[in-house]
Amino acid sequence: MILNWNTALLEAAKSGIPRDQHCQQHDALQRIQQHASYRASRNPALVYLILIKHSANRALLQLSRGRRSVLPSLTCPRNELLSGHQQFHVDSSLLPERRTKEQIYSRLLEHVTVLIRDQRNWTIEFTRNLANTASLLWYAYASQPRPLSSVNWTGFYVMDSSTPHQLILGPFMGKVACQTIHLNQGVCGKSARDKQSIVVDDIDSFPGHIRCDADTRSEIVIPIFGKNNEVVAVIDIDSREKVSFDDMDKFWLEKLAKILGEGCDW
């Protein structure tokens, strides 16, 4: 559905949104209306949901400019939202560009949290949760300045249930990668074995590094924990530049690992 200015304000008024919240909607719609493509086409703005706030039995839908049409009104019963009748739209092209790391990671975590809701089985066709997360990471980094824009691989290695002490390749974005990694090998193996995040500024200085892509110069690996604090997988991110990752990347990726660890049935 196309939601234009007058319709949006009418729906906001009919829904009984308090004045201060109504103003928030008004400001958001003004930003939509001012968007360059809207001014050029003079067509109603297309909007999509970026966040759901709820109070009592109602849900306030906060709007932002975008490429998708959404709900026929600005509010809907909270129980319908929570039961999955209304879908939260996630699009990697809508991640904020050239923002701070904190902003980009915060938005990414919001998207991942929504994507994995009620999608606990990560194994089905090796898509779902890990595949979507790898894609979100890839495009999030691509939208940022260097060195993050130099990321050349984002993905996962998962503990092999059939072979002890071995990781197997999971969903990823990037060039062809190693199929299996023993826990005594490489950054991924050490991270899974030691149950610790590892930031490598220069892969040539890391003993036993496995170079799947000759262009890779730095790497960060974050373990994902399942039940009983056991490592079930690792997040692996490579870059073509040295010193691409820091403690802030580690901090936010560990938050991501926690979301995935708790949100999937491993």
Protein backbone atom coordinates (compact mmCIF):
# COMPACT_ATOMS: atom_id res chain seq x y z
CA MET A 1 0.00 0.00 0.00
CA ILE A 2 1.17 3.54 -0.72
CA LEU A 3 0.88 5.74 2.34
CA ASN A 4 0.72 9.45 1.53
CA TRP A 5 0.99 12.45 3.83
CA ASN A 6 -2.71 13.04 4.43
CA THR A 7 -3.55 9.37 4.86
CA ALA A 8 -0.74 8.93 7.37
CA LEU A 9 -1.83 11.86 9.50
CA LEU A 10 -5.45 10.75 9.35
CA GLU A 11 -4.55 7.26 10.51
CA ALA A 12 -2.39 8.69 13.28
CA ALA A 13 -5.29 10.85 14.46
CA LYS A 14 -7.80 7.99 14.33
CA SER A 15 -5.50 5.70 16.29
CA GLY A 16 -5.45 8.00 19.30
CA ILE A 17 -1.67 8.38 19.43
CA PRO A 18 -0.71 10.89 22.16
CA ARG A 19 0.36 14.30 20.93
CA ASP A 20 4.07 13.85 21.61
CA GLN A 21 4.12 10.54 19.75
CA HIS A 22 2.01 12.06 16.98
CA CYS A 23 4.73 14.71 16.57
CA GLN A 24 7.32 11.97 16.23
CA GLN A 25 5.31 10.49 13.38
CA HIS A 26 4.87 13.92 11.83
CA ASP A 27 8.62 14.57 11.92
CA ALA A 28 9.37 11.19 10.39
CA LEU A 29 6.92 11.78 7.56
CA GLN A 30 8.41 15.21 6.92
CA ARG A 31 11.80 13.59 6.47
CA ILE A 32 10.24 11.16 4.00
CA GLN A 33 8.59 13.97 2.06
CA GLN A 34 11.89 15.85 1.83
CA HIS A 35 13.69 12.89 0.30
CA ALA A 36 15.15 13.69 -3.14
CA SER A 37 13.31 10.95 -5.01
CA TYR A 38 10.02 12.05 -3.47
CA ARG A 39 10.54 15.67 -4.55
CA ALA A 40 11.53 14.61 -8.04
CA SER A 41 8.59 12.29 -8.64
CA ARG A 42 5.97 14.19 -6.58
CA ASN A 43 4.48 10.79 -5.81
CA PRO A 44 3.37 9.61 -2.36
CA ALA A 45 6.30 8.46 -0.25
CA LEU A 46 6.90 4.77 0.22
CA VAL A 47 7.61 3.92 3.82
CA TYR A 48 8.59 0.86 5.77
CA LEU A 49 8.91 -0.15 9.42
CA ILE A 50 12.24 0.15 11.15
CA LEU A 51 11.18 -0.22 14.75
CA ILE A 52 8.19 -1.37 16.73
CA LYS A 53 7.41 0.26 20.08
CA HIS A 54 4.51 -0.98 22.15
CA SER A 55 2.58 0.16 25.19
CA ALA A 56 -0.52 -1.40 26.73
CA ASN A 57 -2.32 -3.25 23.94
CA ARG A 58 -1.29 -0.91 21.14
CA ALA A 59 1.84 -0.67 19.05
CA LEU A 60 3.36 2.55 17.76
CA LEU A 61 5.01 2.03 14.39
CA GLN A 62 7.93 4.36 13.84
CA LEU A 63 8.50 5.21 10.18
CA SER A 64 11.49 6.02 8.01
CA ARG A 65 12.04 6.72 4.33
CA GLY A 66 12.61 3.67 2.18
CA ARG A 67 11.66 1.62 -0.85
CA ARG A 68 8.85 -0.55 0.47
CA SER A 69 5.19 -0.06 1.20
CA VAL A 70 3.87 -1.40 4.47
CA LEU A 71 0.83 -1.53 6.72
CA PRO A 72 -2.46 0.18 5.94
CA SER A 73 -2.32 2.13 9.21
CA LEU A 74 0.19 3.46 11.69
CA THR A 75 -1.00 1.23 14.50
CA CYS A 76 -2.24 -2.29 14.92
CA PRO A 77 -3.02 -4.51 17.90
CA ARG A 78 0.12 -5.49 19.75
CA ASN A 79 -0.87 -9.16 19.94
CA GLU A 80 -1.06 -9.32 16.14
CA LEU A 81 2.47 -7.99 15.87
CA LEU A 82 3.79 -10.44 18.43
CA SER A 83 2.01 -13.36 16.77
CA GLY A 84 3.76 -12.64 13.49
CA HIS A 85 0.75 -11.39 11.53
CA GLN A 86 2.66 -8.23 10.69
CA GLN A 87 6.13 -8.56 9.25
CA PHE A 88 9.13 -6.37 10.09
CA HIS A 89 10.91 -5.53 6.82
CA VAL A 90 14.69 -6.00 6.80
CA ASP A 91 16.76 -4.83 3.85
CA SER A 92 20.57 -4.67 3.88
CA SER A 93 20.48 -1.77 1.41
CA LEU A 94 18.74 0.28 4.11
CA LEU A 95 21.54 0.07 6.66
CA PRO A 96 22.89 3.54 7.45
CA GLU A 97 25.83 4.62 5.32
CA ARG A 98 28.98 6.24 6.65
CA ARG A 99 27.89 6.30 10.25
CA THR A 100 29.84 5.43 13.37
CA LYS A 101 30.61 1.81 14.13
CA GLU A 102 28.24 1.96 17.06
CA GLN A 103 25.39 3.12 14.81
CA ILE A 104 26.01 0.54 12.09
CA TYR A 105 26.37 -2.36 14.52
CA SER A 106 23.37 -1.27 16.57
CA ARG A 107 21.17 -1.25 13.47
CA LEU A 108 22.59 -4.55 12.30
CA LEU A 109 21.77 -6.20 15.63
CA GLU A 110 18.19 -4.91 15.38
CA HIS A 111 17.85 -6.52 11.96
CA VAL A 112 19.36 -9.84 13.03
CA THR A 113 17.15 -10.00 16.12
CA VAL A 114 14.06 -9.64 13.93
CA LEU A 115 15.29 -12.05 11.27
CA ILE A 116 15.90 -14.94 13.65
CA ARG A 117 12.65 -14.52 15.57
CA ASP A 118 10.75 -17.84 15.36
CA GLN A 119 13.43 -19.17 12.99
CA ARG A 120 15.39 -21.33 15.39
CA ASN A 121 16.42 -24.13 13.02
CA TRP A 122 19.62 -22.81 11.43
CA THR A 123 20.31 -25.99 9.42
CA ILE A 124 17.45 -25.87 6.91
CA GLU A 125 19.14 -25.57 3.51
CA PHE A 126 22.00 -23.66 5.16
CA THR A 127 20.03 -20.46 4.78
CA ARG A 128 17.85 -18.77 7.35
CA ASN A 129 19.66 -17.21 10.27
CA LEU A 130 23.36 -17.54 9.46
CA ALA A 131 22.98 -16.89 5.73
CA ASN A 132 21.01 -13.70 6.31
CA THR A 133 23.42 -12.54 9.00
CA ALA A 134 26.42 -13.11 6.73
CA SER A 135 24.71 -11.03 4.05
CA LEU A 136 23.84 -8.22 6.47
CA LEU A 137 27.45 -8.09 7.68
CA TRP A 138 28.80 -8.06 4.13
CA TYR A 139 26.68 -5.15 2.97
CA ALA A 140 27.04 -3.27 6.25
CA TYR A 141 30.81 -3.25 5.86
CA ALA A 142 30.63 -2.46 2.15
CA SER A 143 28.67 0.71 2.93
CA GLN A 144 31.32 2.06 5.30
CA PRO A 145 34.62 3.92 4.80
CA ARG A 146 37.95 2.11 4.85
CA PRO A 147 39.10 -0.08 6.41
CA LEU A 148 35.69 -1.70 6.96
CA SER A 149 34.84 -1.37 3.27
CA SER A 150 37.85 -3.61 2.58
CA VAL A 151 36.17 -6.61 4.22
CA ASN A 152 36.37 -9.48 1.72
CA TRP A 153 34.74 -12.35 3.64
CA THR A 154 31.96 -12.59 6.20
CA GLY A 155 30.63 -15.90 7.38
CA PHE A 156 30.55 -18.78 9.81
CA TYR A 157 32.28 -22.00 10.67
CA VAL A 158 30.18 -24.47 12.66
CA MET A 159 31.28 -27.28 14.96
CA ASP A 160 31.14 -30.58 13.09
CA SER A 161 28.79 -32.93 14.93
CA SER A 162 30.18 -35.97 13.09
CA THR A 163 33.91 -35.28 13.54
CA PRO A 164 35.39 -34.22 16.89
CA HIS A 165 37.59 -31.10 17.10
CA GLN A 166 36.63 -29.87 13.66
CA LEU A 167 34.79 -26.88 12.20
CA ILE A 168 32.85 -27.10 8.94
CA LEU A 169 32.08 -24.26 6.57
CA GLY A 170 28.76 -22.52 7.14
CA PRO A 171 26.94 -19.77 5.22
CA PHE A 172 29.18 -16.95 4.02
CA MET A 173 29.67 -14.06 1.62
CA GLY A 174 32.94 -13.89 -0.32
CA LYS A 175 35.32 -16.13 -2.22
CA VAL A 176 35.47 -19.93 -1.94
CA ALA A 177 36.66 -20.94 1.53
CA CYS A 178 38.14 -23.93 3.31
CA GLN A 179 35.62 -26.72 3.79
CA THR A 180 36.91 -27.85 7.18
CA ILE A 181 39.23 -26.44 9.84
CA HIS A 182 40.73 -28.48 12.68
CA LEU A 183 40.69 -26.81 16.08
CA ASN A 184 44.50 -26.85 16.04
CA GLN A 185 44.57 -24.76 12.86
CA GLY A 186 44.17 -21.12 12.03
CA VAL A 187 42.44 -18.24 13.77
CA CYS A 188 39.02 -19.92 13.65
CA GLY A 189 40.35 -23.12 15.20
CA LYS A 190 42.13 -21.28 18.00
CA SER A 191 39.09 -19.12 18.75
CA ALA A 192 36.82 -22.17 19.01
CA ARG A 193 39.38 -24.15 21.02
CA ASP A 194 40.18 -21.37 23.49
CA LYS A 195 36.62 -19.99 23.61
CA GLN A 196 37.94 -16.49 23.02
CA SER A 197 37.52 -13.73 20.46
CA ILE A 198 40.64 -13.02 18.42
CA VAL A 199 41.59 -9.87 16.52
CA VAL A 200 44.51 -10.29 14.11
CA ASP A 201 45.97 -7.03 12.80
CA ASP A 202 48.37 -8.77 10.41
CA ILE A 203 47.67 -12.37 9.45
CA ASP A 204 51.32 -12.89 8.41
CA SER A 205 52.27 -12.55 12.08
CA PHE A 206 49.77 -15.20 13.24
CA PRO A 207 51.36 -18.67 13.43
CA GLY A 208 49.41 -21.29 11.51
CA HIS A 209 47.08 -18.87 9.77
CA ILE A 210 45.03 -20.46 6.99
CA ARG A 211 45.01 -18.19 3.98
CA CYS A 212 41.91 -19.05 1.96
CA ASP A 213 42.13 -15.74 0.08
CA ALA A 214 45.58 -14.41 -0.81
CA ASP A 215 44.27 -10.84 -0.51
CA THR A 216 43.39 -11.17 3.18
CA ARG A 217 45.55 -9.10 5.52
CA SER A 218 43.60 -8.99 8.81
CA GLU A 219 40.88 -11.00 10.51
CA ILE A 220 38.51 -11.12 13.45
CA VAL A 221 36.92 -14.30 14.81
CA ILE A 222 34.20 -14.42 17.48
CA PRO A 223 32.99 -17.67 19.12
CA ILE A 224 29.26 -18.37 19.38
CA PHE A 225 28.19 -20.20 22.52
CA GLY A 226 25.28 -22.60 22.82
CA LYS A 227 24.07 -24.53 25.83
CA ASN A 228 26.45 -25.19 28.73
CA ASN A 229 28.82 -22.51 27.42
CA GLU A 230 29.99 -24.78 24.61
CA VAL A 231 31.24 -23.27 21.36
CA VAL A 232 28.83 -24.15 18.55
CA ALA A 233 30.24 -21.93 15.80
CA VAL A 234 32.42 -18.91 15.09
CA ILE A 235 31.87 -15.67 13.22
CA ASP A 236 34.77 -15.11 10.81
CA ILE A 237 35.43 -11.79 9.08
CA ASP A 238 38.44 -11.06 6.83
CA SER A 239 39.76 -7.83 5.34
CA ARG A 240 42.15 -6.88 2.55
CA GLU A 241 43.75 -4.24 4.79
CA LYS A 242 45.87 -4.65 7.89
CA VAL A 243 44.51 -3.43 11.24
CA SER A 244 40.90 -3.38 10.01
CA PHE A 245 39.28 -4.39 13.29
CA ASP A 246 39.47 -3.06 16.84
CA ASP A 247 37.93 -3.50 20.27
CA MET A 248 34.69 -1.84 19.19
CA ASP A 249 34.23 -4.38 16.39
CA LYS A 250 34.94 -7.12 18.92
CA PHE A 251 32.43 -5.67 21.40
CA TRP A 252 29.56 -5.48 18.90
CA LEU A 253 30.30 -8.78 17.19
CA GLU A 254 30.25 -10.50 20.57
CA LYS A 255 26.77 -9.04 21.08
CA LEU A 256 25.82 -10.47 17.68
CA ALA A 257 27.25 -13.86 18.67
CA LYS A 258 25.13 -13.83 21.83
CA ILE A 259 21.97 -13.10 19.82
CA LEU A 260 22.72 -15.97 17.45
CA GLY A 261 23.74 -18.33 20.24
CA GLU A 262 20.50 -17.76 22.12
CA GLY A 263 18.25 -17.44 19.08
CA CYS A 264 19.07 -20.72 17.33
CA ASP A 265 18.66 -24.37 18.25
CA TRP A 266 22.16 -25.70 17.74
